[in-house]
Amino acid sequence: MIVLLVVELMPAIVLRGEVLVVAAVVLIGIAVSGFSLLDDGSRFLQSWSRSVRAELGALEVAGPTTDPGYRPDPFRAPGISAGSYFAVVSDLGSPAFDAAEVESLAEPERSDADAVLLEALGVSIQPHVNGATVGPRPRIDVARGGRVAFRPGCVTFDPTTPAARLELTVPAGGIALTVSETVEVRIRSFAEGFPQTPLGGVTPGSRHAVRIPFRAGRTWHLRLTPAARLTACGLRAEA
């Protein structure tokens, strides 16, 4: 379009060969620049689309029991709420990535999916009710910079360096935590890495629990970076 407009506006004059060459180079440059802008815009929109489809995939894992007013991405997709989305999917089918497709995406999209899944499921750190049945012991993924001890259903971790960390696979019923100093909790499922923003903190003086509603095919991993002793106990899944 740019090239045609320039040609139409040019007066009917005869140009020497070298001038024609320069003009051709300039016009090609203009055209290539236009295509470059279009390509950049296309890549940008494709990136947004991947993120939104990953988030919608996470929303579908959470399921239609999600709060109907919940919006998975108020910035990139402000018109989508859980209630209207599930109604449209029921009629027209799903535009979302399925769980396996989300797991094959780049880390930013997988992290976006984790954030939506945690919010849609309403996962939080809650006071632990004493007397709840202890379940299977959490599996240790990483125990670095500290000493580990075991008792039935539980793992105790004593940090020995400032960079100590403990990463656990969350049992189906969740994890109860008892700490000597405040500890931040980070959690992931789709993503390979843990988020910068913690789910919350566990303070000393009482037991807290992280319970996650069961969803088929989803495994959760939890990271703790304690400065003092902590105990993590698996909880039995609620009937």
Protein backbone atom coordinates (compact mmCIF):
# COMPACT_ATOMS: atom_id res chain seq x y z
CA MET A 1 0.00 0.00 0.00
CA ILE A 2 2.80 2.45 0.88
CA VAL A 3 4.64 1.66 -2.35
CA LEU A 4 1.50 2.16 -4.48
CA LEU A 5 0.76 5.50 -2.79
CA VAL A 6 4.28 6.76 -3.49
CA VAL A 7 4.04 5.71 -7.12
CA GLU A 8 0.69 7.50 -7.56
CA LEU A 9 2.07 10.72 -6.10
CA MET A 10 5.25 10.74 -8.19
CA PRO A 11 5.20 13.23 -11.11
CA ALA A 12 5.54 11.86 -14.60
CA ILE A 13 9.28 12.39 -14.98
CA VAL A 14 12.04 10.33 -16.44
CA LEU A 15 14.67 9.27 -13.92
CA ARG A 16 18.23 8.22 -14.53
CA GLY A 17 19.21 4.63 -13.76
CA GLU A 18 21.11 5.41 -10.56
CA VAL A 19 18.17 7.44 -9.24
CA LEU A 20 15.84 4.54 -9.92
CA VAL A 21 18.14 2.24 -7.96
CA VAL A 22 18.17 4.59 -4.96
CA ALA A 23 14.40 5.01 -5.14
CA ALA A 24 13.93 1.26 -5.28
CA VAL A 25 16.14 0.75 -2.21
CA VAL A 26 14.20 3.42 -0.29
CA LEU A 27 10.85 1.91 -1.22
CA ILE A 28 11.99 -1.58 -0.29
CA GLY A 29 13.22 -0.24 3.05
CA ILE A 30 9.85 1.35 3.73
CA ALA A 31 8.03 -1.85 2.83
CA VAL A 32 10.32 -4.04 4.95
CA SER A 33 9.91 -1.67 7.89
CA GLY A 34 6.15 -1.97 7.61
CA PHE A 35 6.32 -5.74 7.51
CA SER A 36 8.64 -5.70 10.56
CA LEU A 37 6.11 -3.69 12.55
CA LEU A 38 3.34 -6.07 11.53
CA ASP A 39 5.49 -9.05 12.49
CA ASP A 40 6.28 -7.56 15.90
CA GLY A 41 2.61 -6.90 16.49
CA SER A 42 1.72 -10.43 15.45
CA ARG A 43 4.28 -11.93 17.84
CA PHE A 44 2.99 -9.75 20.66
CA LEU A 45 -0.61 -10.82 20.11
CA GLN A 46 0.40 -14.46 19.82
CA SER A 47 2.19 -14.21 23.16
CA TRP A 48 -0.90 -12.73 24.79
CA SER A 49 -3.05 -15.43 23.23
CA ARG A 50 -0.81 -18.20 24.60
CA SER A 51 -0.94 -16.73 28.10
CA VAL A 52 -4.72 -16.32 28.09
CA ARG A 53 -5.28 -19.82 26.69
CA ALA A 54 -2.96 -21.24 29.37
CA GLU A 55 -4.90 -19.36 32.06
CA LEU A 56 -8.20 -20.62 30.67
CA GLY A 57 -6.76 -24.14 30.71
CA ALA A 58 -6.02 -23.68 34.40
CA LEU A 59 -9.53 -22.34 34.95
CA GLU A 60 -10.95 -25.49 33.34
CA VAL A 61 -8.80 -27.64 35.66
CA ALA A 62 -10.32 -25.74 38.61
CA GLY A 63 -13.74 -26.45 37.12
CA PRO A 64 -17.20 -24.86 37.06
CA THR A 65 -17.38 -24.72 40.87
CA THR A 66 -15.10 -21.66 40.60
CA ASP A 67 -16.69 -18.41 41.80
CA PRO A 68 -18.73 -17.26 38.75
CA GLY A 69 -17.44 -13.71 39.18
CA TYR A 70 -13.78 -14.70 39.15
CA ARG A 71 -11.82 -13.15 36.25
CA PRO A 72 -8.66 -15.07 35.35
CA ASP A 73 -6.98 -12.15 33.55
CA PRO A 74 -8.55 -8.72 34.15
CA PHE A 75 -5.78 -7.03 32.13
CA ARG A 76 -5.50 -9.10 28.94
CA ALA A 77 -9.04 -10.51 28.93
CA PRO A 78 -11.19 -8.21 31.11
CA GLY A 79 -14.44 -9.47 29.62
CA ILE A 80 -13.96 -13.09 30.72
CA SER A 81 -15.41 -14.27 34.02
CA ALA A 82 -15.65 -17.89 35.17
CA GLY A 83 -19.44 -18.07 35.05
CA SER A 84 -19.85 -16.70 31.53
CA TYR A 85 -16.81 -18.64 30.31
CA PHE A 86 -18.10 -22.04 31.39
CA ALA A 87 -21.50 -21.23 29.90
CA VAL A 88 -19.93 -20.43 26.52
CA VAL A 89 -17.67 -23.50 26.64
CA SER A 90 -20.71 -25.68 27.29
CA ASP A 91 -22.35 -24.33 24.12
CA LEU A 92 -19.43 -23.75 21.76
CA GLY A 93 -16.45 -25.73 23.03
CA SER A 94 -13.19 -24.66 24.60
CA PRO A 95 -10.48 -22.35 23.22
CA ALA A 96 -8.15 -23.22 26.11
CA PHE A 97 -4.99 -25.31 26.15
CA ASP A 98 -5.49 -28.60 27.93
CA ALA A 99 -3.27 -29.47 30.89
CA ALA A 100 -0.74 -31.38 28.78
CA GLU A 101 -0.43 -28.46 26.36
CA VAL A 102 0.08 -26.00 29.22
CA GLU A 103 2.94 -28.15 30.51
CA SER A 104 4.65 -27.89 27.11
CA LEU A 105 4.58 -24.08 27.07
CA ALA A 106 7.33 -21.68 28.12
CA GLU A 107 7.79 -20.93 31.80
CA PRO A 108 5.97 -17.54 31.83
CA GLU A 109 2.75 -19.08 30.48
CA ARG A 110 3.02 -22.00 32.92
CA SER A 111 3.50 -19.57 35.81
CA ASP A 112 0.43 -17.63 34.68
CA ALA A 113 -1.55 -20.88 34.68
CA ASP A 114 -0.40 -21.68 38.24
CA ALA A 115 -1.48 -18.24 39.47
CA VAL A 116 -4.97 -18.69 38.01
CA LEU A 117 -5.32 -22.24 39.33
CA LEU A 118 -4.38 -21.20 42.87
CA GLU A 119 -6.82 -18.29 42.80
CA ALA A 120 -9.65 -20.27 41.21
CA LEU A 121 -9.27 -23.06 43.78
CA GLY A 122 -9.02 -20.56 46.62
CA VAL A 123 -5.78 -22.03 47.98
CA SER A 124 -4.47 -20.28 51.08
CA ILE A 125 -2.61 -20.89 54.32
CA GLN A 126 -5.11 -21.58 57.07
CA PRO A 127 -4.97 -22.31 60.80
CA HIS A 128 -4.59 -26.04 61.32
CA VAL A 129 -7.22 -27.78 63.45
CA ASN A 130 -5.50 -29.85 66.09
CA GLY A 131 -6.41 -33.49 65.98
CA ALA A 132 -6.73 -33.68 62.19
CA THR A 133 -5.61 -37.07 60.95
CA VAL A 134 -1.99 -37.26 59.90
CA GLY A 135 -1.63 -38.73 56.43
CA PRO A 136 1.32 -39.88 54.34
CA ARG A 137 4.63 -38.16 54.96
CA PRO A 138 5.43 -35.43 52.41
CA ARG A 139 7.99 -36.53 49.84
CA ILE A 140 11.20 -34.51 49.87
CA ASP A 141 12.11 -33.00 46.49
CA VAL A 142 15.04 -30.88 47.72
CA ALA A 143 16.61 -30.53 51.17
CA ARG A 144 19.54 -28.14 50.99
CA GLY A 145 21.56 -26.54 53.76
CA GLY A 146 19.96 -28.37 56.65
CA ARG A 147 19.42 -31.61 58.53
CA VAL A 148 16.38 -33.78 57.97
CA ALA A 149 14.70 -36.07 60.49
CA PHE A 150 11.59 -38.22 60.15
CA ARG A 151 8.72 -39.38 62.28
CA PRO A 152 5.45 -41.00 61.22
CA GLY A 153 3.80 -38.75 58.65
CA CYS A 154 6.20 -35.85 59.22
CA VAL A 155 9.51 -34.30 58.16
CA THR A 156 11.57 -32.06 60.45
CA PHE A 157 14.12 -29.72 58.92
CA ASP A 158 16.86 -27.89 60.84
CA PRO A 159 18.62 -25.29 58.65
CA THR A 160 22.39 -25.03 59.00
CA THR A 161 23.06 -22.27 56.43
CA PRO A 162 21.33 -18.97 55.54
CA ALA A 163 20.50 -20.36 52.08
CA ALA A 164 18.72 -23.44 53.44
CA ARG A 165 15.58 -24.57 51.68
CA LEU A 166 13.16 -27.46 51.77
CA GLU A 167 10.98 -28.46 48.83
CA LEU A 168 8.21 -31.01 49.25
CA THR A 169 5.60 -32.76 47.16
CA VAL A 170 2.24 -31.98 48.75
CA PRO A 171 0.21 -35.08 49.73
CA ALA A 172 -3.38 -35.23 48.50
CA GLY A 173 -4.73 -34.06 51.85
CA GLY A 174 -2.33 -31.15 52.19
CA ILE A 175 0.47 -30.22 54.60
CA ALA A 176 0.44 -28.99 58.20
CA LEU A 177 3.35 -26.73 59.17
CA THR A 178 4.84 -25.91 62.56
CA VAL A 179 7.66 -23.34 62.52
CA SER A 180 10.06 -21.70 64.97
CA GLU A 181 10.33 -18.50 62.94
CA THR A 182 8.15 -16.98 60.24
CA VAL A 183 8.52 -18.84 56.93
CA GLU A 184 7.28 -17.86 53.48
CA VAL A 185 5.49 -20.54 51.47
CA ARG A 186 5.71 -20.81 47.69
CA ILE A 187 3.83 -23.35 45.64
CA ARG A 188 3.71 -24.53 42.03
CA SER A 189 2.13 -27.17 39.82
CA PHE A 190 2.42 -26.39 36.08
CA ALA A 191 5.57 -24.30 36.39
CA GLU A 192 9.12 -25.60 36.73
CA GLY A 193 10.15 -22.81 39.08
CA PHE A 194 8.55 -21.30 42.15
CA PRO A 195 6.93 -17.86 41.96
CA GLN A 196 8.61 -14.71 43.25
CA THR A 197 5.48 -13.86 45.21
CA PRO A 198 4.79 -16.26 48.09
CA LEU A 199 1.41 -17.81 48.75
CA GLY A 200 1.77 -16.40 52.26
CA GLY A 201 3.69 -16.78 55.48
CA VAL A 202 3.51 -19.17 58.41
CA THR A 203 4.13 -17.58 61.80
CA PRO A 204 5.38 -19.33 64.94
CA GLY A 205 3.11 -20.12 67.85
CA SER A 206 0.45 -22.13 66.04
CA ARG A 207 0.14 -24.76 63.33
CA HIS A 208 -0.97 -23.86 59.85
CA ALA A 209 -2.08 -25.96 56.93
CA VAL A 210 -2.04 -25.73 53.16
CA ARG A 211 -4.93 -27.72 51.69
CA ILE A 212 -5.51 -27.91 47.95
CA PRO A 213 -8.75 -29.24 46.44
CA PHE A 214 -7.98 -32.43 44.53
CA ARG A 215 -7.88 -32.21 40.77
CA ALA A 216 -7.00 -35.27 38.69
CA GLY A 217 -3.53 -35.14 37.18
CA ARG A 218 -2.29 -32.21 39.25
CA THR A 219 0.68 -32.56 41.59
CA TRP A 220 1.71 -29.66 43.82
CA HIS A 221 5.17 -28.76 45.09
CA LEU A 222 5.92 -26.48 48.01
CA ARG A 223 9.08 -24.52 48.88
CA LEU A 224 10.06 -23.34 52.35
CA THR A 225 13.13 -21.23 53.15
CA PRO A 226 13.36 -21.43 56.95
CA ALA A 227 15.83 -19.74 59.27
CA ALA A 228 14.96 -22.13 62.12
CA ARG A 229 13.47 -25.56 62.69
CA LEU A 230 10.22 -26.47 61.00
CA THR A 231 8.06 -29.58 60.85
CA ALA A 232 5.89 -30.51 57.86
CA CYS A 233 3.29 -33.25 58.27
CA GLY A 234 1.14 -34.79 55.58
CA LEU A 235 -2.63 -34.63 56.09
CA ARG A 236 -5.08 -37.33 55.17
CA ALA A 237 -7.38 -36.41 52.29
CA GLU A 238 -10.82 -35.32 53.37
CA ALA A 239 -13.64 -37.65 52.37
